[in-house]
């Protein structure tokens, strides 16, 4: 855990140079930041779960307004909150609720999408539905073959992953299964969201935890399993028939800068909501 925290800090503070922050005193410093941000570069960074849909939104925003939004590779939700608190980041991407200590530091959120937490497999896997109990038994090492007799190879996320945090609350025994499997080095661990689809595509008969935006991006090669008969589609996610989901939010400290406010307004417009829907996510109502 200590090593993970150090790495997050390194990635987060690397954004200081990436965002081109400056303390030029010829311009007034906005209350939203500890330092002024580069006028030339607008950088948004954070959780890997947010990246696919937010990058699509940024592309549309640039096409419409001619304004570029830079979205670097994932630094995680923790990296975003650290960078926001230090003034190194203007607008962050998070895929979990803020902690009490983050709220005490003045961080705020604006939710914009909800994604389904998906158990995905390569398309060659014959199974299409699993019960929550079966999924638990797989991660406990009790159930270890598909319906065709092929061995199941599991790609798991780290203990503190935001999707696992949701499943800890919804599937009894999930936390114990994940902690034990990691401690016993039973399965391959993916530390970033983008690693899961790559691992699934490179591993025959595999099963991994990802989200609906990634299965949309890889719709010809990966498939989401139904859970307890429910398909992880936007309708079922919105009405709760498919219970495994998490909210994606923008995070900021103090007051939004004008350009951050403009981008958020676009994301929450009807045009932005339509883009979110094409990515297999559910737009969040204002």
C-alpha atoms as a PDB file:
ATOM      1  CA  UNK A   1       0.000   0.000   0.000  1.00  0.00           C
ATOM      2  CA  UNK A   2       2.834   2.407   0.882  1.00  0.00           C
ATOM      3  CA  UNK A   3       4.543   1.779  -2.473  1.00  0.00           C
ATOM      4  CA  UNK A   4       1.250   2.319  -4.289  1.00  0.00           C
ATOM      5  CA  UNK A   5       0.789   5.663  -2.514  1.00  0.00           C
ATOM      6  CA  UNK A   6       4.272   6.817  -3.519  1.00  0.00           C
ATOM      7  CA  UNK A   7       3.602   5.923  -7.162  1.00  0.00           C
ATOM      8  CA  UNK A   8       0.300   7.829  -7.115  1.00  0.00           C
ATOM      9  CA  UNK A   9       2.072  10.889  -5.736  1.00  0.00           C
ATOM     10  CA  UNK A  10       4.756  10.717  -8.436  1.00  0.00           C
ATOM     11  CA  UNK A  11       2.121  10.507 -11.186  1.00  0.00           C
ATOM     12  CA  UNK A  12       0.003  13.249  -9.693  1.00  0.00           C
ATOM     13  CA  UNK A  13       2.774  15.746  -9.173  1.00  0.00           C
ATOM     14  CA  UNK A  14       4.046  14.991 -12.666  1.00  0.00           C
ATOM     15  CA  UNK A  15       0.947  16.867 -13.792  1.00  0.00           C
ATOM     16  CA  UNK A  16       2.475  20.105 -12.566  1.00  0.00           C
ATOM     17  CA  UNK A  17       4.808  20.173 -15.566  1.00  0.00           C
ATOM     18  CA  UNK A  18       2.240  18.509 -17.851  1.00  0.00           C
ATOM     19  CA  UNK A  19      -0.361  21.173 -17.154  1.00  0.00           C
ATOM     20  CA  UNK A  20       2.202  23.934 -17.509  1.00  0.00           C
ATOM     21  CA  UNK A  21       1.231  25.605 -14.242  1.00  0.00           C
ATOM     22  CA  UNK A  22       2.703  29.019 -13.546  1.00  0.00           C
ATOM     23  CA  UNK A  23       2.781  31.530 -10.720  1.00  0.00           C
ATOM     24  CA  UNK A  24       2.834  34.559 -13.053  1.00  0.00           C
ATOM     25  CA  UNK A  25       1.738  37.382 -10.734  1.00  0.00           C
ATOM     26  CA  UNK A  26       0.754  39.667 -13.647  1.00  0.00           C
ATOM     27  CA  UNK A  27      -2.565  37.799 -13.715  1.00  0.00           C
ATOM     28  CA  UNK A  28      -4.907  37.411 -10.737  1.00  0.00           C
ATOM     29  CA  UNK A  29      -4.934  33.925  -9.243  1.00  0.00           C
ATOM     30  CA  UNK A  30      -8.429  32.422  -9.269  1.00  0.00           C
ATOM     31  CA  UNK A  31      -9.809  31.173  -5.925  1.00  0.00           C
ATOM     32  CA  UNK A  32     -10.137  27.681  -7.457  1.00  0.00           C
ATOM     33  CA  UNK A  33      -6.427  26.948  -7.456  1.00  0.00           C
ATOM     34  CA  UNK A  34      -3.246  27.323  -5.458  1.00  0.00           C
ATOM     35  CA  UNK A  35      -1.548  28.587  -8.638  1.00  0.00           C
ATOM     36  CA  UNK A  36      -2.648  29.891 -12.037  1.00  0.00           C
ATOM     37  CA  UNK A  37      -2.986  27.384 -14.847  1.00  0.00           C
ATOM     38  CA  UNK A  38      -1.486  27.585 -18.303  1.00  0.00           C
ATOM     39  CA  UNK A  39      -3.690  29.480 -20.721  1.00  0.00           C
ATOM     40  CA  UNK A  40      -2.402  27.337 -23.589  1.00  0.00           C
ATOM     41  CA  UNK A  41      -3.114  23.866 -22.179  1.00  0.00           C
ATOM     42  CA  UNK A  42      -6.288  22.589 -20.525  1.00  0.00           C
ATOM     43  CA  UNK A  43      -5.499  19.263 -18.858  1.00  0.00           C
ATOM     44  CA  UNK A  44      -8.066  16.931 -17.290  1.00  0.00           C
ATOM     45  CA  UNK A  45      -6.754  13.777 -15.590  1.00  0.00           C
ATOM     46  CA  UNK A  46      -7.684  11.003 -13.222  1.00  0.00           C
ATOM     47  CA  UNK A  47      -9.372   7.603 -13.145  1.00  0.00           C
ATOM     48  CA  UNK A  48      -8.905   5.227 -16.056  1.00  0.00           C
ATOM     49  CA  UNK A  49     -12.592   4.301 -15.906  1.00  0.00           C
ATOM     50  CA  UNK A  50     -13.481   7.839 -16.969  1.00  0.00           C
ATOM     51  CA  UNK A  51     -11.077   8.022 -19.893  1.00  0.00           C
ATOM     52  CA  UNK A  52     -12.959   6.341 -22.798  1.00  0.00           C
ATOM     53  CA  UNK A  53     -16.152   8.377 -22.468  1.00  0.00           C
ATOM     54  CA  UNK A  54     -14.363  11.609 -21.498  1.00  0.00           C
ATOM     55  CA  UNK A  55     -12.010  11.368 -24.473  1.00  0.00           C
ATOM     56  CA  UNK A  56     -15.020  11.038 -26.782  1.00  0.00           C
ATOM     57  CA  UNK A  57     -16.532  14.106 -25.167  1.00  0.00           C
ATOM     58  CA  UNK A  58     -13.263  16.020 -25.536  1.00  0.00           C
ATOM     59  CA  UNK A  59     -13.096  15.164 -29.250  1.00  0.00           C
ATOM     60  CA  UNK A  60     -16.631  16.468 -29.799  1.00  0.00           C
ATOM     61  CA  UNK A  61     -15.884  19.569 -27.722  1.00  0.00           C
ATOM     62  CA  UNK A  62     -12.852  20.392 -29.863  1.00  0.00           C
ATOM     63  CA  UNK A  63     -14.837  19.853 -33.072  1.00  0.00           C
ATOM     64  CA  UNK A  64     -17.587  22.204 -31.895  1.00  0.00           C
ATOM     65  CA  UNK A  65     -15.570  24.943 -30.202  1.00  0.00           C
ATOM     66  CA  UNK A  66     -12.038  24.503 -31.571  1.00  0.00           C
ATOM     67  CA  UNK A  67     -10.724  24.156 -28.017  1.00  0.00           C
ATOM     68  CA  UNK A  68      -8.420  21.266 -27.148  1.00  0.00           C
ATOM     69  CA  UNK A  69      -8.692  19.294 -23.926  1.00  0.00           C
ATOM     70  CA  UNK A  70      -5.648  17.195 -23.024  1.00  0.00           C
ATOM     71  CA  UNK A  71      -6.399  13.891 -21.291  1.00  0.00           C
ATOM     72  CA  UNK A  72      -3.223  11.994 -20.286  1.00  0.00           C
ATOM     73  CA  UNK A  73      -3.103   8.287 -19.350  1.00  0.00           C
ATOM     74  CA  UNK A  74      -4.688   7.271 -16.070  1.00  0.00           C
ATOM     75  CA  UNK A  75      -3.298   8.570 -12.793  1.00  0.00           C
ATOM     76  CA  UNK A  76      -6.235   7.063 -10.888  1.00  0.00           C
ATOM     77  CA  UNK A  77      -8.809   8.735  -8.683  1.00  0.00           C
ATOM     78  CA  UNK A  78      -6.278   9.040  -5.852  1.00  0.00           C
ATOM     79  CA  UNK A  79      -3.820  10.732  -8.209  1.00  0.00           C
ATOM     80  CA  UNK A  80      -6.496  13.202  -9.295  1.00  0.00           C
ATOM     81  CA  UNK A  81      -7.472  14.152  -5.744  1.00  0.00           C
ATOM     82  CA  UNK A  82      -3.833  14.614  -4.717  1.00  0.00           C
ATOM     83  CA  UNK A  83      -3.156  16.804  -7.764  1.00  0.00           C
ATOM     84  CA  UNK A  84      -6.316  18.848  -7.179  1.00  0.00           C
ATOM     85  CA  UNK A  85      -5.457  19.433  -3.555  1.00  0.00           C
ATOM     86  CA  UNK A  86      -1.929  20.566  -4.435  1.00  0.00           C
ATOM     87  CA  UNK A  87      -3.139  22.926  -7.176  1.00  0.00           C
ATOM     88  CA  UNK A  88      -1.440  20.908  -9.916  1.00  0.00           C
ATOM     89  CA  UNK A  89      -4.728  20.013 -11.603  1.00  0.00           C
ATOM     90  CA  UNK A  90      -7.678  22.153 -12.609  1.00  0.00           C
ATOM     91  CA  UNK A  91     -10.301  19.462 -13.245  1.00  0.00           C
ATOM     92  CA  UNK A  92     -10.044  15.829 -12.165  1.00  0.00           C
ATOM     93  CA  UNK A  93     -11.765  12.588 -13.140  1.00  0.00           C
ATOM     94  CA  UNK A  94     -12.917  10.279 -10.356  1.00  0.00           C
ATOM     95  CA  UNK A  95     -14.828   6.992 -10.273  1.00  0.00           C
ATOM     96  CA  UNK A  96     -15.617   6.739  -6.556  1.00  0.00           C
ATOM     97  CA  UNK A  97     -17.145   9.037  -3.948  1.00  0.00           C
ATOM     98  CA  UNK A  98     -14.866  11.521  -2.253  1.00  0.00           C
ATOM     99  CA  UNK A  99     -13.600  10.469   1.160  1.00  0.00           C
ATOM    100  CA  UNK A 100     -14.412  12.602   4.229  1.00  0.00           C
ATOM    101  CA  UNK A 101     -10.807  13.873   4.312  1.00  0.00           C
ATOM    102  CA  UNK A 102     -10.979  14.892   0.631  1.00  0.00           C
ATOM    103  CA  UNK A 103     -14.198  16.789   1.293  1.00  0.00           C
ATOM    104  CA  UNK A 104     -12.574  18.512   4.277  1.00  0.00           C
ATOM    105  CA  UNK A 105      -9.821  19.717   1.928  1.00  0.00           C
ATOM    106  CA  UNK A 106     -12.422  21.515  -0.173  1.00  0.00           C
ATOM    107  CA  UNK A 107     -12.791  19.063  -3.046  1.00  0.00           C
ATOM    108  CA  UNK A 108     -16.161  18.967  -4.809  1.00  0.00           C
ATOM    109  CA  UNK A 109     -17.705  16.777  -7.497  1.00  0.00           C
ATOM    110  CA  UNK A 110     -20.011  17.056 -10.491  1.00  0.00           C
ATOM    111  CA  UNK A 111     -21.344  13.640 -11.607  1.00  0.00           C
ATOM    112  CA  UNK A 112     -21.847  13.185 -15.342  1.00  0.00           C
ATOM    113  CA  UNK A 113     -22.199   9.467 -16.137  1.00  0.00           C
ATOM    114  CA  UNK A 114     -22.872   6.057 -14.679  1.00  0.00           C
ATOM    115  CA  UNK A 115     -21.205   2.932 -16.088  1.00  0.00           C
ATOM    116  CA  UNK A 116     -21.963  -0.712 -15.534  1.00  0.00           C
ATOM    117  CA  UNK A 117     -19.345  -2.810 -13.765  1.00  0.00           C
ATOM    118  CA  UNK A 118     -18.938  -5.725 -16.128  1.00  0.00           C
ATOM    119  CA  UNK A 119     -17.617  -9.276 -15.936  1.00  0.00           C
ATOM    120  CA  UNK A 120     -16.220  -9.703 -19.439  1.00  0.00           C
ATOM    121  CA  UNK A 121     -14.784 -12.589 -21.439  1.00  0.00           C
ATOM    122  CA  UNK A 122     -13.363 -13.134 -24.909  1.00  0.00           C
ATOM    123  CA  UNK A 123     -16.159 -13.890 -27.373  1.00  0.00           C
ATOM    124  CA  UNK A 124     -14.988 -17.519 -27.692  1.00  0.00           C
ATOM    125  CA  UNK A 125     -16.176 -18.303 -24.152  1.00  0.00           C
ATOM    126  CA  UNK A 126     -19.534 -20.116 -24.548  1.00  0.00           C
ATOM    127  CA  UNK A 127     -21.071 -18.982 -21.250  1.00  0.00           C
ATOM    128  CA  UNK A 128     -23.291 -15.899 -21.387  1.00  0.00           C
ATOM    129  CA  UNK A 129     -24.807 -15.746 -17.896  1.00  0.00           C
ATOM    130  CA  UNK A 130     -23.500 -16.232 -14.364  1.00  0.00           C
ATOM    131  CA  UNK A 131     -25.102 -15.872 -10.976  1.00  0.00           C
ATOM    132  CA  UNK A 132     -23.388 -13.661  -8.421  1.00  0.00           C
ATOM    133  CA  UNK A 133     -22.752 -16.807  -6.393  1.00  0.00           C
ATOM    134  CA  UNK A 134     -20.983 -18.477  -9.337  1.00  0.00           C
ATOM    135  CA  UNK A 135     -18.807 -15.418  -9.855  1.00  0.00           C
ATOM    136  CA  UNK A 136     -17.896 -15.453  -6.181  1.00  0.00           C
ATOM    137  CA  UNK A 137     -16.981 -19.141  -6.350  1.00  0.00           C
ATOM    138  CA  UNK A 138     -14.753 -18.469  -9.363  1.00  0.00           C
ATOM    139  CA  UNK A 139     -12.871 -15.792  -7.465  1.00  0.00           C
ATOM    140  CA  UNK A 140     -12.664 -18.061  -4.416  1.00  0.00           C
ATOM    141  CA  UNK A 141     -11.019 -20.727  -6.596  1.00  0.00           C
ATOM    142  CA  UNK A 142     -13.937 -23.145  -6.074  1.00  0.00           C
ATOM    143  CA  UNK A 143     -15.435 -23.016  -9.578  1.00  0.00           C
ATOM    144  CA  UNK A 144     -12.642 -23.215 -12.126  1.00  0.00           C
ATOM    145  CA  UNK A 145     -14.048 -24.334 -15.492  1.00  0.00           C
ATOM    146  CA  UNK A 146     -16.404 -22.958 -18.120  1.00  0.00           C
ATOM    147  CA  UNK A 147     -19.389 -24.950 -19.368  1.00  0.00           C
ATOM    148  CA  UNK A 148     -17.211 -26.480 -22.112  1.00  0.00           C
ATOM    149  CA  UNK A 149     -14.712 -27.760 -19.549  1.00  0.00           C
ATOM    150  CA  UNK A 150     -12.010 -25.202 -20.365  1.00  0.00           C
ATOM    151  CA  UNK A 151     -10.152 -23.714 -17.367  1.00  0.00           C
ATOM    152  CA  UNK A 152     -11.126 -20.213 -16.223  1.00  0.00           C
ATOM    153  CA  UNK A 153      -8.253 -17.715 -16.024  1.00  0.00           C
ATOM    154  CA  UNK A 154      -9.206 -14.698 -13.917  1.00  0.00           C
ATOM    155  CA  UNK A 155      -7.908 -11.153 -14.372  1.00  0.00           C
ATOM    156  CA  UNK A 156      -8.557  -9.339 -11.092  1.00  0.00           C
ATOM    157  CA  UNK A 157      -8.276  -5.705 -10.066  1.00  0.00           C
ATOM    158  CA  UNK A 158      -6.297  -4.562  -7.033  1.00  0.00           C
ATOM    159  CA  UNK A 159      -7.875  -4.506  -3.590  1.00  0.00           C
ATOM    160  CA  UNK A 160      -8.680  -0.782  -3.631  1.00  0.00           C
ATOM    161  CA  UNK A 161     -10.034  -0.580  -7.192  1.00  0.00           C
ATOM    162  CA  UNK A 162     -13.257   1.443  -7.391  1.00  0.00           C
ATOM    163  CA  UNK A 163     -15.202  -1.416  -9.015  1.00  0.00           C
ATOM    164  CA  UNK A 164     -14.167  -3.812  -6.269  1.00  0.00           C
ATOM    165  CA  UNK A 165     -15.232  -1.203  -3.700  1.00  0.00           C
ATOM    166  CA  UNK A 166     -18.764  -1.373  -5.137  1.00  0.00           C
ATOM    167  CA  UNK A 167     -18.795  -5.173  -5.255  1.00  0.00           C
ATOM    168  CA  UNK A 168     -17.637  -5.393  -1.633  1.00  0.00           C
ATOM    169  CA  UNK A 169     -20.966  -3.806  -0.709  1.00  0.00           C
ATOM    170  CA  UNK A 170     -23.168  -5.854  -3.044  1.00  0.00           C
ATOM    171  CA  UNK A 171     -21.762  -9.393  -3.072  1.00  0.00           C
ATOM    172  CA  UNK A 172     -21.277 -10.947   0.385  1.00  0.00           C
ATOM    173  CA  UNK A 173     -17.832 -12.528   0.610  1.00  0.00           C
ATOM    174  CA  UNK A 174     -16.389 -10.614  -2.362  1.00  0.00           C
ATOM    175  CA  UNK A 175     -13.880  -8.631  -0.314  1.00  0.00           C
ATOM    176  CA  UNK A 176     -12.555 -11.727   1.423  1.00  0.00           C
ATOM    177  CA  UNK A 177     -12.280 -13.559  -1.924  1.00  0.00           C
ATOM    178  CA  UNK A 178     -10.325 -10.727  -3.571  1.00  0.00           C
ATOM    179  CA  UNK A 179      -7.993 -10.176  -0.608  1.00  0.00           C
ATOM    180  CA  UNK A 180      -7.254 -13.892  -0.294  1.00  0.00           C
ATOM    181  CA  UNK A 181      -6.694 -14.427  -4.016  1.00  0.00           C
ATOM    182  CA  UNK A 182      -4.247 -11.519  -4.102  1.00  0.00           C
ATOM    183  CA  UNK A 183      -2.447 -12.640  -0.954  1.00  0.00           C
ATOM    184  CA  UNK A 184      -2.145 -16.164  -2.401  1.00  0.00           C
ATOM    185  CA  UNK A 185      -1.077 -14.782  -5.819  1.00  0.00           C
ATOM    186  CA  UNK A 186      -3.788 -16.909  -7.409  1.00  0.00           C
ATOM    187  CA  UNK A 187      -4.631 -14.662 -10.371  1.00  0.00           C
ATOM    188  CA  UNK A 188      -3.122 -12.023 -12.629  1.00  0.00           C
ATOM    189  CA  UNK A 189      -3.692  -8.492 -11.288  1.00  0.00           C
ATOM    190  CA  UNK A 190      -4.528  -5.541 -13.564  1.00  0.00           C
ATOM    191  CA  UNK A 191      -3.574  -2.246 -11.949  1.00  0.00           C
ATOM    192  CA  UNK A 192      -5.097   0.013 -14.598  1.00  0.00           C
ATOM    193  CA  UNK A 193      -8.457  -0.125 -16.375  1.00  0.00           C
ATOM    194  CA  UNK A 194      -6.894  -0.326 -19.831  1.00  0.00           C
ATOM    195  CA  UNK A 195      -4.878  -3.393 -18.818  1.00  0.00           C
ATOM    196  CA  UNK A 196      -7.993  -5.542 -18.415  1.00  0.00           C
ATOM    197  CA  UNK A 197      -9.139  -5.658 -22.076  1.00  0.00           C
ATOM    198  CA  UNK A 198      -5.558  -6.302 -23.206  1.00  0.00           C
ATOM    199  CA  UNK A 199      -5.174  -9.150 -20.725  1.00  0.00           C
ATOM    200  CA  UNK A 200      -8.528 -10.676 -21.713  1.00  0.00           C
ATOM    201  CA  UNK A 201      -7.669 -10.561 -25.407  1.00  0.00           C
ATOM    202  CA  UNK A 202      -4.259 -12.118 -24.754  1.00  0.00           C
ATOM    203  CA  UNK A 203      -5.563 -14.883 -22.470  1.00  0.00           C
ATOM    204  CA  UNK A 204      -7.839 -17.631 -23.779  1.00  0.00           C
ATOM    205  CA  UNK A 205     -10.839 -18.573 -21.607  1.00  0.00           C
ATOM    206  CA  UNK A 206     -10.305 -15.587 -19.315  1.00  0.00           C
ATOM    207  CA  UNK A 207     -12.671 -13.553 -17.140  1.00  0.00           C
ATOM    208  CA  UNK A 208     -12.054  -9.984 -16.041  1.00  0.00           C
ATOM    209  CA  UNK A 209     -13.670  -7.038 -14.291  1.00  0.00           C
ATOM    210  CA  UNK A 210     -14.140  -4.009 -16.532  1.00  0.00           C
ATOM    211  CA  UNK A 211     -16.965  -1.613 -17.439  1.00  0.00           C
ATOM    212  CA  UNK A 212     -19.512  -0.989 -20.169  1.00  0.00           C
ATOM    213  CA  UNK A 213     -17.464   1.655 -21.993  1.00  0.00           C
ATOM    214  CA  UNK A 214     -14.609  -0.807 -22.495  1.00  0.00           C
ATOM    215  CA  UNK A 215     -16.947  -3.534 -23.795  1.00  0.00           C
ATOM    216  CA  UNK A 216     -18.384  -1.012 -26.278  1.00  0.00           C
ATOM    217  CA  UNK A 217     -14.870  -0.191 -27.490  1.00  0.00           C
ATOM    218  CA  UNK A 218     -14.087  -3.920 -27.837  1.00  0.00           C
ATOM    219  CA  UNK A 219     -17.554  -5.110 -28.891  1.00  0.00           C
ATOM    220  CA  UNK A 220     -16.218  -7.430 -31.611  1.00  0.00           C
ATOM    221  CA  UNK A 221     -13.742  -9.215 -29.360  1.00  0.00           C
ATOM    222  CA  UNK A 222     -15.096  -9.049 -25.794  1.00  0.00           C
ATOM    223  CA  UNK A 223     -18.544  -9.716 -24.366  1.00  0.00           C
ATOM    224  CA  UNK A 224     -20.138  -8.776 -21.048  1.00  0.00           C
ATOM    225  CA  UNK A 225     -21.750 -11.585 -19.089  1.00  0.00           C
ATOM    226  CA  UNK A 226     -25.296 -11.276 -17.856  1.00  0.00           C
ATOM    227  CA  UNK A 227     -25.441 -11.529 -14.071  1.00  0.00           C
ATOM    228  CA  UNK A 228     -28.442 -13.241 -12.500  1.00  0.00           C
ATOM    229  CA  UNK A 229     -30.040 -12.958 -15.936  1.00  0.00           C
ATOM    230  CA  UNK A 230     -29.643  -9.162 -16.184  1.00  0.00           C
ATOM    231  CA  UNK A 231     -27.785  -7.622 -19.135  1.00  0.00           C
ATOM    232  CA  UNK A 232     -25.485  -4.665 -18.315  1.00  0.00           C
ATOM    233  CA  UNK A 233     -27.120  -2.301 -20.793  1.00  0.00           C
ATOM    234  CA  UNK A 234     -27.948   1.390 -20.161  1.00  0.00           C
ATOM    235  CA  UNK A 235     -31.643   0.712 -19.483  1.00  0.00           C
ATOM    236  CA  UNK A 236     -30.936  -1.954 -16.861  1.00  0.00           C
ATOM    237  CA  UNK A 237     -28.174   0.138 -15.310  1.00  0.00           C
ATOM    238  CA  UNK A 238     -30.444   3.169 -15.064  1.00  0.00           C
ATOM    239  CA  UNK A 239     -33.379   1.331 -13.496  1.00  0.00           C
ATOM    240  CA  UNK A 240     -31.268  -0.872 -11.222  1.00  0.00           C
ATOM    241  CA  UNK A 241     -32.176  -4.207 -12.840  1.00  0.00           C
ATOM    242  CA  UNK A 242     -28.437  -4.605 -13.364  1.00  0.00           C
ATOM    243  CA  UNK A 243     -27.184  -3.621  -9.884  1.00  0.00           C
ATOM    244  CA  UNK A 244     -23.426  -3.294 -10.442  1.00  0.00           C
ATOM    245  CA  UNK A 245     -22.533   0.252 -11.471  1.00  0.00           C
ATOM    246  CA  UNK A 246     -20.482   3.269 -10.451  1.00  0.00           C
ATOM    247  CA  UNK A 247     -20.732   6.988 -10.997  1.00  0.00           C
ATOM    248  CA  UNK A 248     -18.163   9.003 -12.943  1.00  0.00           C
ATOM    249  CA  UNK A 249     -17.605  12.568 -11.791  1.00  0.00           C
ATOM    250  CA  UNK A 250     -15.536  15.639 -12.426  1.00  0.00           C
ATOM    251  CA  UNK A 251     -13.731  16.840  -9.307  1.00  0.00           C
ATOM    252  CA  UNK A 252     -12.352  20.274  -8.520  1.00  0.00           C
ATOM    253  CA  UNK A 253     -11.236  22.418  -5.611  1.00  0.00           C
ATOM    254  CA  UNK A 254     -12.722  25.768  -4.726  1.00  0.00           C
ATOM    255  CA  UNK A 255     -14.380  27.410  -7.736  1.00  0.00           C
ATOM    256  CA  UNK A 256     -14.416  26.046 -11.276  1.00  0.00           C
ATOM    257  CA  UNK A 257     -12.268  27.957 -13.761  1.00  0.00           C
ATOM    258  CA  UNK A 258     -14.216  29.418 -16.678  1.00  0.00           C
ATOM    259  CA  UNK A 259     -12.902  26.886 -19.204  1.00  0.00           C
ATOM    260  CA  UNK A 260     -13.599  23.968 -16.858  1.00  0.00           C
ATOM    261  CA  UNK A 261     -17.130  25.279 -16.353  1.00  0.00           C
ATOM    262  CA  UNK A 262     -17.601  25.594 -20.126  1.00  0.00           C
ATOM    263  CA  UNK A 263     -16.460  22.009 -20.737  1.00  0.00           C
ATOM    264  CA  UNK A 264     -18.673  20.644 -17.934  1.00  0.00           C
ATOM    265  CA  UNK A 265     -21.659  22.530 -19.368  1.00  0.00           C
ATOM    266  CA  UNK A 266     -21.036  20.893 -22.752  1.00  0.00           C
ATOM    267  CA  UNK A 267     -20.776  17.444 -21.169  1.00  0.00           C
ATOM    268  CA  UNK A 268     -24.091  17.947 -19.363  1.00  0.00           C
ATOM    269  CA  UNK A 269     -25.843  19.363 -22.445  1.00  0.00           C
ATOM    270  CA  UNK A 270     -28.141  17.220 -24.600  1.00  0.00           C
ATOM    271  CA  UNK A 271     -25.301  16.805 -27.102  1.00  0.00           C
ATOM    272  CA  UNK A 272     -22.935  15.649 -24.382  1.00  0.00           C
ATOM    273  CA  UNK A 273     -25.493  13.258 -22.928  1.00  0.00           C
ATOM    274  CA  UNK A 274     -26.027  11.704 -26.366  1.00  0.00           C
ATOM    275  CA  UNK A 275     -22.283  11.046 -26.645  1.00  0.00           C
ATOM    276  CA  UNK A 276     -22.237   9.465 -23.191  1.00  0.00           C
ATOM    277  CA  UNK A 277     -25.083   7.147 -24.211  1.00  0.00           C
ATOM    278  CA  UNK A 278     -23.229   5.952 -27.339  1.00  0.00           C
ATOM    279  CA  UNK A 279     -20.435   4.740 -25.041  1.00  0.00           C
ATOM    280  CA  UNK A 280     -22.709   2.378 -23.115  1.00  0.00           C
ATOM    281  CA  UNK A 281     -22.963   4.749 -20.158  1.00  0.00           C
ATOM    282  CA  UNK A 282     -25.951   6.471 -18.573  1.00  0.00           C
ATOM    283  CA  UNK A 283     -25.935  10.281 -18.480  1.00  0.00           C
ATOM    284  CA  UNK A 284     -26.495  11.620 -14.979  1.00  0.00           C
ATOM    285  CA  UNK A 285     -29.411  14.035 -14.625  1.00  0.00           C
ATOM    286  CA  UNK A 286     -28.587  17.495 -13.293  1.00  0.00           C
END
